[in-house]
Protein backbone atom coordinates (compact mmCIF):
# COMPACT_ATOMS: atom_id res chain seq x y z
CA MET A 1 85.06 -152.38 2.91
CA THR A 2 83.37 -149.66 0.91
CA ALA A 3 81.50 -149.93 -2.36
CA PRO A 4 81.32 -147.23 -5.07
CA THR A 5 78.30 -147.64 -7.35
CA ASN A 6 77.76 -146.50 -10.93
CA ASN A 7 74.05 -145.64 -11.24
CA SER A 8 74.27 -144.66 -14.91
CA ARG A 9 73.73 -146.99 -17.85
CA HIS A 10 77.24 -146.37 -19.20
CA ALA A 11 80.55 -147.76 -17.99
CA ILE A 12 82.99 -145.41 -16.26
CA ASN A 13 86.77 -145.69 -16.51
CA LEU A 14 88.01 -145.36 -12.91
CA ASP A 15 91.72 -145.45 -13.84
CA GLY A 16 93.45 -142.95 -11.55
CA TRP A 17 90.39 -142.33 -9.34
CA THR A 18 91.05 -142.44 -5.59
CA LEU A 19 89.17 -143.60 -2.54
CA ARG A 20 90.44 -142.08 0.71
CA ASP A 21 89.57 -142.38 4.40
CA GLU A 22 89.69 -139.62 7.03
CA ASP A 23 93.20 -140.65 8.13
CA GLY A 24 94.55 -140.16 4.60
CA HIS A 25 94.85 -143.80 3.55
CA ARG A 26 94.34 -143.83 -0.19
CA TYR A 27 93.46 -146.49 -2.73
CA THR A 28 93.99 -145.64 -6.40
CA PHE A 29 92.06 -147.56 -9.04
CA ASP A 30 94.38 -148.91 -11.72
CA ASP A 31 93.00 -149.87 -15.13
CA TYR A 32 89.50 -150.51 -13.78
CA ARG A 33 86.25 -150.00 -15.70
CA LEU A 34 83.00 -149.98 -13.67
CA ARG A 35 80.10 -151.24 -15.74
CA GLY A 36 76.80 -149.37 -15.82
CA ARG A 37 74.45 -150.03 -12.90
CA SER A 38 77.23 -151.89 -11.07
CA THR A 39 79.00 -151.72 -7.73
CA VAL A 40 82.63 -152.47 -6.91
CA ARG A 41 83.58 -153.47 -3.36
CA VAL A 42 86.95 -152.13 -2.23
CA HIS A 43 88.51 -154.43 0.38
CA THR A 44 91.41 -153.54 2.65
CA GLY A 45 93.03 -156.97 2.64
CA ILE A 46 94.90 -159.09 0.16
CA GLY A 47 93.05 -160.81 -2.67
CA ARG A 48 92.59 -161.16 -6.39
CA ASP A 49 90.75 -158.33 -8.15
CA THR A 50 87.57 -159.22 -10.03
CA ARG A 51 84.85 -157.21 -11.79
CA SER A 52 82.99 -156.71 -8.51
CA ASP A 53 85.79 -156.75 -5.91
CA VAL A 54 89.17 -155.02 -5.71
CA TYR A 55 91.78 -155.30 -2.97
CA GLN A 56 94.09 -152.70 -1.48
CA ASP A 57 96.59 -155.43 -0.52
CA ARG A 58 97.10 -154.00 2.98
CA ARG A 59 97.88 -156.18 5.97
CA HIS A 60 96.05 -153.95 8.46
CA TYR A 61 92.43 -152.88 8.44
CA ILE A 62 92.08 -149.13 7.70
CA TRP A 63 88.35 -148.34 7.85
CA ASP A 64 87.28 -147.28 11.34
CA ASN A 65 84.22 -149.26 12.45
CA ARG A 66 83.03 -146.53 14.85
CA SER A 67 83.16 -143.65 12.38
CA ASP A 68 84.91 -142.80 9.16
CA THR A 69 84.34 -141.23 5.77
CA ALA A 70 85.27 -142.71 2.40
CA THR A 71 85.76 -140.01 -0.24
CA LEU A 72 85.86 -140.78 -3.95
CA ARG A 73 87.69 -138.38 -6.30
CA ASN A 74 88.13 -138.62 -10.04
CA ASP A 75 91.47 -138.74 -11.86
CA ARG A 76 91.64 -134.92 -11.76
CA GLY A 77 91.21 -134.83 -7.98
CA ARG A 78 87.64 -133.55 -8.13
CA TYR A 79 85.18 -134.66 -5.48
CA VAL A 80 82.70 -137.24 -6.80
CA ASP A 81 81.01 -138.70 -3.71
CA SER A 82 81.52 -139.69 -0.09
CA GLU A 83 80.01 -142.08 2.41
CA SER A 84 80.18 -141.57 6.17
CA TRP A 85 79.22 -143.77 9.08
CA GLY A 86 79.12 -143.19 12.81
CA GLN A 87 79.77 -139.69 14.12
CA ARG A 88 81.58 -137.59 11.57
CA ARG A 89 84.95 -136.47 12.84
CA GLY A 90 86.02 -133.86 10.34
CA GLY A 91 83.22 -133.41 7.86
CA ARG A 92 85.86 -132.91 5.15
CA ARG A 93 85.20 -133.10 1.45
């Protein structure tokens, strides 16, 4: 699970934004608006989307527990942010 956070006071429309791991697995936000000063948790598994949790509806876990990087890009493909844990494998942006 990873959790993008909106630190501004204003809501952000994440429609078309992507969250990608180092192996190229991609989640695309669809019709999702992140409220100001809020966090959304992106889960690998199957579930019902809420304001604070969205699900990729995958049957297999994709985030590597030892090391991985989650990269967030806007709807134009521009880098917004990334979060890494463990030893970085590729250091890609």
